[in-house]
Amino acid sequence: MGDGPFLTEVTLVWREGEREDWLKFGRPVAERIIDRRQRVECYAPGQVFGLVRWASNDYGTIRSTLDIVRAVGAGEPVTRLAQVNPGGDVLLSVHGWPKVAQIFRLIDAIEASGIDPCEVAPDHWRHIHNRLAARDVPRGYSPARHIAWLRRRALES
């Protein structure tokens, strides 16, 4: 988006019943509407967002994914992701509707405890990803754990 600050751009496409991309959570710092079916949302370094991508064809769902990504700064290493430019720090990635729905429930529980998922410790998203990969049950994210994260982050800045 020009020569301004380094931003991560996320392209979202919406074709009803065919391809639907949306953000489960995230607070973009800028947005650009391409047309009625496509927009680009921008994130500053360090911001976290949850990108959901779903697609189907005549035979049913062919893709359900959820990626929780931390936007990176200039010069930081990135993992390339479709629709995310230049890429990001992938904290969690799941494929298949049962796993996506499971993460939705975990996000809903975090929100129900009064915590914004954008503010959750990045290590917690990695923990969930690793536990699911090992077919284990992830720990919950409590307000006490969140306060500890906020204090740690304040010390680091």
N, C-alpha and C. Protein backbone atom coordinates (compact mmCIF):
# COMPACT_ATOMS: atom_id res chain seq x y z
N MET A 1 0.84 -1.19 0.00
CA MET A 1 0.00 0.00 0.00
C MET A 1 0.88 1.25 0.00
N GLY A 2 1.82 1.33 -0.88
CA GLY A 2 2.62 2.53 -0.98
C GLY A 2 3.93 2.44 -0.24
N ASP A 3 4.55 3.62 -0.02
CA ASP A 3 5.87 3.69 0.60
C ASP A 3 5.80 3.93 2.10
N GLY A 4 4.65 3.79 2.72
CA GLY A 4 4.49 4.04 4.15
C GLY A 4 5.09 2.92 4.98
N PRO A 5 4.59 2.75 6.18
CA PRO A 5 5.12 1.72 7.07
C PRO A 5 4.92 0.32 6.48
N PHE A 6 5.74 -0.62 6.93
CA PHE A 6 5.67 -2.01 6.46
C PHE A 6 4.38 -2.63 6.96
N LEU A 7 3.55 -3.12 6.06
CA LEU A 7 2.27 -3.74 6.41
C LEU A 7 2.16 -5.11 5.77
N THR A 8 1.45 -5.98 6.46
CA THR A 8 1.10 -7.29 5.90
C THR A 8 -0.29 -7.16 5.30
N GLU A 9 -0.44 -7.53 4.04
CA GLU A 9 -1.71 -7.42 3.34
C GLU A 9 -2.37 -8.79 3.22
N VAL A 10 -3.65 -8.84 3.55
CA VAL A 10 -4.43 -10.08 3.48
C VAL A 10 -5.56 -9.85 2.47
N THR A 11 -5.57 -10.63 1.41
CA THR A 11 -6.61 -10.52 0.39
C THR A 11 -7.74 -11.48 0.73
N LEU A 12 -8.95 -10.94 0.84
CA LEU A 12 -10.13 -11.74 1.17
C LEU A 12 -11.06 -11.75 -0.04
N VAL A 13 -11.51 -12.95 -0.41
CA VAL A 13 -12.40 -13.13 -1.56
C VAL A 13 -13.70 -13.74 -1.05
N TRP A 14 -14.83 -13.25 -1.58
CA TRP A 14 -16.13 -13.79 -1.17
C TRP A 14 -16.98 -14.03 -2.42
N ARG A 15 -17.14 -15.32 -2.75
CA ARG A 15 -18.07 -15.75 -3.80
C ARG A 15 -19.02 -16.72 -3.14
N GLU A 16 -20.18 -16.23 -2.78
CA GLU A 16 -21.17 -16.98 -1.99
C GLU A 16 -21.29 -18.43 -2.43
N GLY A 17 -21.07 -19.35 -1.46
CA GLY A 17 -21.23 -20.77 -1.71
C GLY A 17 -20.12 -21.43 -2.52
N GLU A 18 -19.17 -20.64 -3.00
CA GLU A 18 -18.08 -21.18 -3.82
C GLU A 18 -16.72 -21.01 -3.14
N ARG A 19 -16.45 -19.77 -2.73
CA ARG A 19 -15.20 -19.46 -2.04
C ARG A 19 -15.48 -18.31 -1.07
N GLU A 20 -15.21 -18.57 0.19
CA GLU A 20 -15.50 -17.57 1.21
C GLU A 20 -14.31 -17.46 2.15
N ASP A 21 -13.65 -16.32 2.14
CA ASP A 21 -12.52 -16.04 3.03
C ASP A 21 -12.97 -14.97 4.01
N TRP A 22 -12.64 -15.15 5.27
CA TRP A 22 -12.98 -14.13 6.25
C TRP A 22 -12.02 -14.20 7.43
N LEU A 23 -12.09 -13.19 8.27
CA LEU A 23 -11.26 -13.15 9.46
C LEU A 23 -12.09 -13.56 10.66
N LYS A 24 -11.63 -14.58 11.36
CA LYS A 24 -12.29 -14.99 12.60
C LYS A 24 -12.05 -13.91 13.65
N PHE A 25 -10.85 -13.32 13.63
CA PHE A 25 -10.55 -12.17 14.47
C PHE A 25 -9.40 -11.40 13.84
N GLY A 26 -9.24 -10.17 14.24
CA GLY A 26 -8.18 -9.31 13.72
C GLY A 26 -8.65 -7.87 13.72
N ARG A 27 -7.70 -6.96 13.86
CA ARG A 27 -8.01 -5.53 13.85
C ARG A 27 -7.11 -4.85 12.81
N PRO A 28 -7.55 -4.84 11.55
CA PRO A 28 -6.71 -4.24 10.51
C PRO A 28 -6.50 -2.74 10.75
N VAL A 29 -5.32 -2.26 10.33
CA VAL A 29 -5.03 -0.83 10.45
C VAL A 29 -5.46 -0.09 9.18
N ALA A 30 -5.72 -0.83 8.10
CA ALA A 30 -6.18 -0.22 6.85
C ALA A 30 -6.94 -1.28 6.06
N GLU A 31 -7.81 -0.79 5.17
CA GLU A 31 -8.58 -1.69 4.32
C GLU A 31 -8.74 -1.05 2.95
N ARG A 32 -8.66 -1.88 1.93
CA ARG A 32 -8.85 -1.40 0.56
C ARG A 32 -9.86 -2.32 -0.12
N ILE A 33 -10.93 -1.75 -0.62
CA ILE A 33 -11.95 -2.51 -1.34
C ILE A 33 -11.54 -2.59 -2.81
N ILE A 34 -11.38 -3.81 -3.32
CA ILE A 34 -11.03 -4.01 -4.74
C ILE A 34 -12.30 -3.95 -5.58
N ASP A 35 -13.27 -4.76 -5.20
CA ASP A 35 -14.59 -4.77 -5.82
C ASP A 35 -15.55 -5.39 -4.82
N ARG A 36 -16.79 -5.68 -5.22
CA ARG A 36 -17.76 -6.17 -4.24
C ARG A 36 -17.46 -7.58 -3.73
N ARG A 37 -16.53 -8.27 -4.37
CA ARG A 37 -16.18 -9.62 -3.94
C ARG A 37 -14.78 -9.76 -3.36
N GLN A 38 -14.03 -8.68 -3.35
CA GLN A 38 -12.64 -8.79 -2.93
C GLN A 38 -12.19 -7.52 -2.21
N ARG A 39 -11.46 -7.74 -1.09
CA ARG A 39 -10.88 -6.60 -0.37
C ARG A 39 -9.53 -7.01 0.20
N VAL A 40 -8.73 -6.02 0.55
CA VAL A 40 -7.42 -6.24 1.14
C VAL A 40 -7.41 -5.56 2.51
N GLU A 41 -7.04 -6.32 3.54
CA GLU A 41 -6.92 -5.76 4.88
C GLU A 41 -5.44 -5.77 5.25
N CYS A 42 -5.00 -4.73 5.96
CA CYS A 42 -3.58 -4.56 6.27
C CYS A 42 -3.35 -4.58 7.77
N TYR A 43 -2.24 -5.22 8.15
CA TYR A 43 -1.86 -5.38 9.56
C TYR A 43 -0.45 -4.87 9.79
N ALA A 44 -0.27 -4.18 10.92
CA ALA A 44 1.04 -3.67 11.31
C ALA A 44 1.85 -4.81 11.94
N PRO A 45 3.18 -4.70 11.92
CA PRO A 45 4.02 -5.73 12.53
C PRO A 45 3.59 -6.01 13.98
N GLY A 46 3.52 -7.30 14.31
CA GLY A 46 3.15 -7.73 15.65
C GLY A 46 1.67 -8.02 15.83
N GLN A 47 0.82 -7.52 14.95
CA GLN A 47 -0.61 -7.81 15.08
C GLN A 47 -0.90 -9.26 14.71
N VAL A 48 -1.91 -9.83 15.38
CA VAL A 48 -2.29 -11.22 15.15
C VAL A 48 -3.70 -11.26 14.58
N PHE A 49 -3.91 -12.15 13.61
CA PHE A 49 -5.24 -12.31 13.02
C PHE A 49 -5.49 -13.77 12.70
N GLY A 50 -6.77 -14.13 12.61
CA GLY A 50 -7.18 -15.49 12.27
C GLY A 50 -7.86 -15.49 10.92
N LEU A 51 -7.23 -16.10 9.93
CA LEU A 51 -7.73 -16.14 8.55
C LEU A 51 -8.39 -17.48 8.26
N VAL A 52 -9.66 -17.41 7.86
CA VAL A 52 -10.43 -18.61 7.52
C VAL A 52 -10.63 -18.62 6.01
N ARG A 53 -10.35 -19.79 5.40
CA ARG A 53 -10.57 -19.95 3.97
C ARG A 53 -11.40 -21.20 3.74
N TRP A 54 -12.47 -21.04 2.98
CA TRP A 54 -13.38 -22.14 2.71
C TRP A 54 -13.71 -22.13 1.22
N ALA A 55 -13.78 -23.31 0.62
CA ALA A 55 -14.14 -23.41 -0.79
C ALA A 55 -14.92 -24.71 -1.02
N SER A 56 -15.79 -24.67 -2.03
CA SER A 56 -16.55 -25.88 -2.37
C SER A 56 -16.70 -25.97 -3.88
N ASN A 57 -17.13 -27.16 -4.32
CA ASN A 57 -17.47 -27.35 -5.72
C ASN A 57 -18.79 -28.12 -5.77
N ASP A 58 -19.12 -28.70 -6.91
CA ASP A 58 -20.39 -29.41 -7.06
C ASP A 58 -20.53 -30.61 -6.13
N TYR A 59 -19.42 -31.09 -5.59
CA TYR A 59 -19.44 -32.29 -4.76
C TYR A 59 -19.34 -31.99 -3.27
N GLY A 60 -19.20 -30.73 -2.90
CA GLY A 60 -19.14 -30.35 -1.49
C GLY A 60 -17.90 -29.54 -1.16
N THR A 61 -17.59 -29.46 0.12
CA THR A 61 -16.46 -28.68 0.58
C THR A 61 -15.15 -29.30 0.11
N ILE A 62 -14.29 -28.46 -0.46
CA ILE A 62 -12.98 -28.94 -0.91
C ILE A 62 -11.84 -28.33 -0.10
N ARG A 63 -12.15 -27.29 0.68
CA ARG A 63 -11.11 -26.68 1.53
C ARG A 63 -11.75 -25.96 2.71
N SER A 64 -11.24 -26.25 3.89
CA SER A 64 -11.55 -25.51 5.11
C SER A 64 -10.24 -25.35 5.85
N THR A 65 -9.77 -24.12 5.99
CA THR A 65 -8.52 -23.89 6.70
C THR A 65 -8.66 -22.72 7.64
N LEU A 66 -7.87 -22.75 8.70
CA LEU A 66 -7.75 -21.62 9.62
C LEU A 66 -6.28 -21.45 9.92
N ASP A 67 -5.77 -20.25 9.66
CA ASP A 67 -4.40 -19.91 9.98
C ASP A 67 -4.42 -18.74 10.94
N ILE A 68 -3.73 -18.87 12.06
CA ILE A 68 -3.55 -17.74 12.97
C ILE A 68 -2.13 -17.26 12.74
N VAL A 69 -2.03 -15.99 12.36
CA VAL A 69 -0.78 -15.43 11.84
C VAL A 69 -0.43 -14.15 12.59
N ARG A 70 0.87 -13.99 12.85
CA ARG A 70 1.38 -12.72 13.39
C ARG A 70 2.03 -11.98 12.23
N ALA A 71 1.58 -10.74 11.99
CA ALA A 71 2.18 -9.90 10.96
C ALA A 71 3.62 -9.60 11.36
N VAL A 72 4.52 -9.62 10.40
CA VAL A 72 5.95 -9.43 10.68
C VAL A 72 6.40 -8.04 10.25
N GLY A 73 7.57 -7.65 10.75
CA GLY A 73 8.19 -6.39 10.37
C GLY A 73 9.17 -6.61 9.23
N ALA A 74 9.63 -5.52 8.66
CA ALA A 74 10.61 -5.59 7.57
C ALA A 74 11.84 -6.35 8.03
N GLY A 75 12.28 -7.29 7.21
CA GLY A 75 13.49 -8.05 7.51
C GLY A 75 13.29 -9.27 8.37
N GLU A 76 12.11 -9.44 8.96
CA GLU A 76 11.84 -10.64 9.77
C GLU A 76 11.61 -11.83 8.84
N PRO A 77 11.95 -13.03 9.30
CA PRO A 77 11.65 -14.21 8.49
C PRO A 77 10.13 -14.42 8.39
N VAL A 78 9.70 -14.91 7.24
CA VAL A 78 8.27 -15.13 7.02
C VAL A 78 8.02 -16.53 6.47
N THR A 79 6.82 -17.01 6.70
CA THR A 79 6.33 -18.21 6.04
C THR A 79 5.35 -17.72 4.99
N ARG A 80 5.54 -18.17 3.78
CA ARG A 80 4.64 -17.76 2.69
C ARG A 80 3.28 -18.42 2.89
N LEU A 81 2.25 -17.63 2.70
CA LEU A 81 0.87 -18.10 2.80
C LEU A 81 0.08 -17.51 1.64
N ALA A 82 -0.75 -18.32 1.02
CA ALA A 82 -1.61 -17.80 -0.04
C ALA A 82 -2.46 -16.67 0.53
N GLN A 83 -2.56 -15.60 -0.24
CA GLN A 83 -3.39 -14.44 0.09
C GLN A 83 -2.80 -13.55 1.18
N VAL A 84 -1.62 -13.86 1.70
CA VAL A 84 -0.98 -13.04 2.74
C VAL A 84 0.36 -12.57 2.18
N ASN A 85 0.48 -11.25 2.00
CA ASN A 85 1.67 -10.68 1.40
C ASN A 85 2.37 -9.77 2.40
N PRO A 86 3.61 -10.03 2.76
CA PRO A 86 4.58 -10.94 2.16
C PRO A 86 4.55 -12.34 2.76
N GLY A 87 3.66 -12.62 3.67
CA GLY A 87 3.62 -13.84 4.45
C GLY A 87 3.57 -13.44 5.91
N GLY A 88 3.83 -14.35 6.81
CA GLY A 88 3.78 -14.00 8.23
C GLY A 88 4.39 -15.09 9.08
N ASP A 89 4.29 -14.87 10.37
CA ASP A 89 4.72 -15.85 11.36
C ASP A 89 3.48 -16.70 11.67
N VAL A 90 3.42 -17.91 11.13
CA VAL A 90 2.25 -18.77 11.31
C VAL A 90 2.31 -19.39 12.70
N LEU A 91 1.35 -19.03 13.53
CA LEU A 91 1.30 -19.51 14.92
C LEU A 91 0.51 -20.80 15.02
N LEU A 92 -0.51 -20.94 14.16
CA LEU A 92 -1.37 -22.12 14.17
C LEU A 92 -1.93 -22.30 12.77
N SER A 93 -2.01 -23.54 12.32
CA SER A 93 -2.57 -23.82 11.01
C SER A 93 -3.30 -25.16 11.08
N VAL A 94 -4.59 -25.14 10.74
CA VAL A 94 -5.36 -26.39 10.71
C VAL A 94 -6.13 -26.48 9.40
N HIS A 95 -6.34 -27.72 8.98
CA HIS A 95 -7.05 -27.99 7.73
C HIS A 95 -8.14 -29.00 8.02
N GLY A 96 -9.29 -28.82 7.37
CA GLY A 96 -10.42 -29.72 7.56
C GLY A 96 -11.41 -29.12 8.55
N TRP A 97 -12.69 -29.22 8.21
CA TRP A 97 -13.71 -28.56 9.01
C TRP A 97 -13.75 -29.02 10.47
N PRO A 98 -13.60 -30.30 10.80
CA PRO A 98 -13.63 -30.67 12.22
C PRO A 98 -12.56 -29.95 13.05
N LYS A 99 -11.36 -29.81 12.51
CA LYS A 99 -10.29 -29.11 13.25
C LYS A 99 -10.55 -27.61 13.30
N VAL A 100 -11.02 -27.04 12.18
CA VAL A 100 -11.35 -25.61 12.18
C VAL A 100 -12.43 -25.33 13.22
N ALA A 101 -13.47 -26.17 13.26
CA ALA A 101 -14.55 -25.98 14.24
C ALA A 101 -14.02 -26.12 15.67
N GLN A 102 -13.09 -27.02 15.89
CA GLN A 102 -12.50 -27.19 17.22
C GLN A 102 -11.76 -25.91 17.65
N ILE A 103 -11.03 -25.30 16.74
CA ILE A 103 -10.32 -24.05 17.05
C ILE A 103 -11.33 -22.92 17.27
N PHE A 104 -12.40 -22.90 16.48
CA PHE A 104 -13.45 -21.90 16.71
C PHE A 104 -13.96 -21.98 18.15
N ARG A 105 -14.18 -23.21 18.64
CA ARG A 105 -14.67 -23.37 20.02
C ARG A 105 -13.64 -22.85 21.03
N LEU A 106 -12.35 -23.09 20.78
CA LEU A 106 -11.30 -22.59 21.67
C LEU A 106 -11.26 -21.06 21.64
N ILE A 107 -11.41 -20.47 20.45
CA ILE A 107 -11.44 -19.01 20.33
C ILE A 107 -12.67 -18.45 21.05
N ASP A 108 -13.81 -19.11 20.88
CA ASP A 108 -15.04 -18.67 21.56
C ASP A 108 -14.87 -18.70 23.07
N ALA A 109 -14.18 -19.72 23.59
CA ALA A 109 -13.95 -19.82 25.05
C ALA A 109 -13.04 -18.69 25.52
N ILE A 110 -12.05 -18.34 24.72
CA ILE A 110 -11.16 -17.22 25.06
C ILE A 110 -11.96 -15.93 25.10
N GLU A 111 -12.80 -15.71 24.09
CA GLU A 111 -13.62 -14.50 24.06
C GLU A 111 -14.61 -14.47 25.22
N ALA A 112 -15.17 -15.63 25.57
CA ALA A 112 -16.13 -15.70 26.67
C ALA A 112 -15.49 -15.33 28.01
N SER A 113 -14.17 -15.51 28.12
CA SER A 113 -13.48 -15.14 29.36
C SER A 113 -13.10 -13.67 29.36
N GLY A 114 -13.50 -12.94 28.31
CA GLY A 114 -13.25 -11.50 28.26
C GLY A 114 -11.92 -11.11 27.63
N ILE A 115 -11.26 -12.05 26.96
CA ILE A 115 -9.96 -11.78 26.35
C ILE A 115 -10.13 -11.70 24.83
N ASP A 116 -9.54 -10.66 24.25
CA ASP A 116 -9.55 -10.49 22.80
C ASP A 116 -8.54 -11.48 22.20
N PRO A 117 -8.96 -12.34 21.27
CA PRO A 117 -8.02 -13.30 20.67
C PRO A 117 -6.81 -12.64 20.01
N CYS A 118 -6.95 -11.38 19.59
CA CYS A 118 -5.82 -10.65 19.00
C CYS A 118 -4.70 -10.42 20.01
N GLU A 119 -5.04 -10.46 21.30
CA GLU A 119 -4.09 -10.17 22.37
C GLU A 119 -3.53 -11.41 23.05
N VAL A 120 -3.97 -12.59 22.64
CA VAL A 120 -3.51 -13.84 23.25
C VAL A 120 -2.02 -14.02 22.98
N ALA A 121 -1.32 -14.59 23.94
CA ALA A 121 0.12 -14.85 23.78
C ALA A 121 0.36 -15.71 22.54
N PRO A 122 1.25 -15.27 21.64
CA PRO A 122 1.54 -16.08 20.45
C PRO A 122 1.95 -17.52 20.81
N ASP A 123 2.65 -17.69 21.93
CA ASP A 123 3.06 -19.03 22.34
C ASP A 123 1.87 -19.93 22.62
N HIS A 124 0.74 -19.36 23.03
CA HIS A 124 -0.44 -20.19 23.28
C HIS A 124 -0.98 -20.76 21.97
N TRP A 125 -1.01 -19.93 20.91
CA TRP A 125 -1.47 -20.45 19.61
C TRP A 125 -0.54 -21.56 19.13
N ARG A 126 0.78 -21.39 19.33
CA ARG A 126 1.72 -22.44 18.95
C ARG A 126 1.48 -23.71 19.77
N HIS A 127 1.20 -23.52 21.06
CA HIS A 127 0.90 -24.65 21.94
C HIS A 127 -0.30 -25.44 21.40
N ILE A 128 -1.36 -24.73 21.05
CA ILE A 128 -2.56 -25.41 20.52
C ILE A 128 -2.19 -26.17 19.24
N HIS A 129 -1.47 -25.51 18.33
CA HIS A 129 -1.08 -26.15 17.08
C HIS A 129 -0.30 -27.45 17.36
N ASN A 130 0.68 -27.37 18.25
CA ASN A 130 1.52 -28.53 18.55
C ASN A 130 0.74 -29.64 19.24
N ARG A 131 -0.13 -29.29 20.17
CA ARG A 131 -0.93 -30.31 20.85
C ARG A 131 -1.86 -31.02 19.87
N LEU A 132 -2.49 -30.26 18.98
CA LEU A 132 -3.38 -30.90 18.00
C LEU A 132 -2.60 -31.78 17.05
N ALA A 133 -1.41 -31.35 16.65
CA ALA A 133 -0.57 -32.16 15.76
C ALA A 133 -0.19 -33.48 16.43
N ALA A 134 -0.06 -33.45 17.76
CA ALA A 134 0.29 -34.65 18.52
C ALA A 134 -0.96 -35.41 18.97
N ARG A 135 -2.13 -34.97 18.52
CA ARG A 135 -3.41 -35.57 18.90
C ARG A 135 -3.61 -35.57 20.41
N ASP A 136 -3.23 -34.45 21.01
CA ASP A 136 -3.35 -34.26 22.45
C ASP A 136 -4.31 -33.09 22.69
N VAL A 137 -4.73 -32.91 23.92
CA VAL A 137 -5.66 -31.85 24.28
C VAL A 137 -4.88 -30.61 24.71
N PRO A 138 -5.15 -29.46 24.07
CA PRO A 138 -4.44 -28.25 24.48
C PRO A 138 -4.95 -27.70 25.81
N ARG A 139 -4.06 -26.99 26.51
CA ARG A 139 -4.45 -26.29 27.74
C ARG A 139 -5.38 -25.14 27.39
N GLY A 140 -6.21 -24.76 28.35
CA GLY A 140 -7.04 -23.58 28.19
C GLY A 140 -6.20 -22.32 28.38
N TYR A 141 -6.76 -21.20 28.00
CA TYR A 141 -6.08 -19.91 28.16
C TYR A 141 -6.87 -19.11 29.18
N SER A 142 -6.36 -19.05 30.39
CA SER A 142 -7.07 -18.41 31.50
C SER A 142 -6.71 -16.93 31.59
N PRO A 143 -7.56 -16.16 32.28
CA PRO A 143 -7.21 -14.75 32.53
C PRO A 143 -5.88 -14.62 33.26
N ALA A 144 -5.56 -15.53 34.19
CA ALA A 144 -4.29 -15.46 34.91
C ALA A 144 -3.11 -15.65 33.95
N ARG A 145 -3.23 -16.59 33.03
CA ARG A 145 -2.19 -16.82 32.02
C ARG A 145 -2.03 -15.58 31.13
N HIS A 146 -3.18 -14.95 30.81
CA HIS A 146 -3.16 -13.76 29.96
C HIS A 146 -2.46 -12.59 30.68
N ILE A 147 -2.74 -12.41 31.95
CA ILE A 147 -2.09 -11.35 32.72
C ILE A 147 -0.58 -11.58 32.76
N ALA A 148 -0.18 -12.83 32.94
CA ALA A 148 1.26 -13.15 32.94
C ALA A 148 1.88 -12.78 31.59
N TRP A 149 1.18 -13.08 30.49
CA TRP A 149 1.68 -12.74 29.16
C TRP A 149 1.81 -11.22 29.01
N LEU A 150 0.79 -10.48 29.43
CA LEU A 150 0.83 -9.02 29.30
C LEU A 150 1.99 -8.43 30.10
N ARG A 151 2.25 -8.97 31.29
CA ARG A 151 3.38 -8.49 32.10
C ARG A 151 4.71 -8.81 31.44
N ARG A 152 4.83 -10.02 30.89
CA ARG A 152 6.06 -10.41 30.19
C ARG A 152 6.30 -9.51 28.98
N ARG A 153 5.25 -9.24 28.24
CA ARG A 153 5.35 -8.39 27.04
C ARG A 153 5.77 -6.97 27.44
N ALA A 154 5.22 -6.46 28.56
CA ALA A 154 5.59 -5.12 29.03
C ALA A 154 7.06 -5.06 29.42
N LEU A 155 7.58 -6.13 29.99
CA LEU A 155 9.01 -6.16 30.38
C LEU A 155 9.92 -6.18 29.15
N GLU A 156 9.45 -6.83 28.07
CA GLU A 156 10.25 -6.96 26.86
C GLU A 156 10.29 -5.67 26.05
N SER A 157 9.30 -4.80 26.24
CA SER A 157 9.26 -3.57 25.43
C SER A 157 9.96 -2.41 26.07
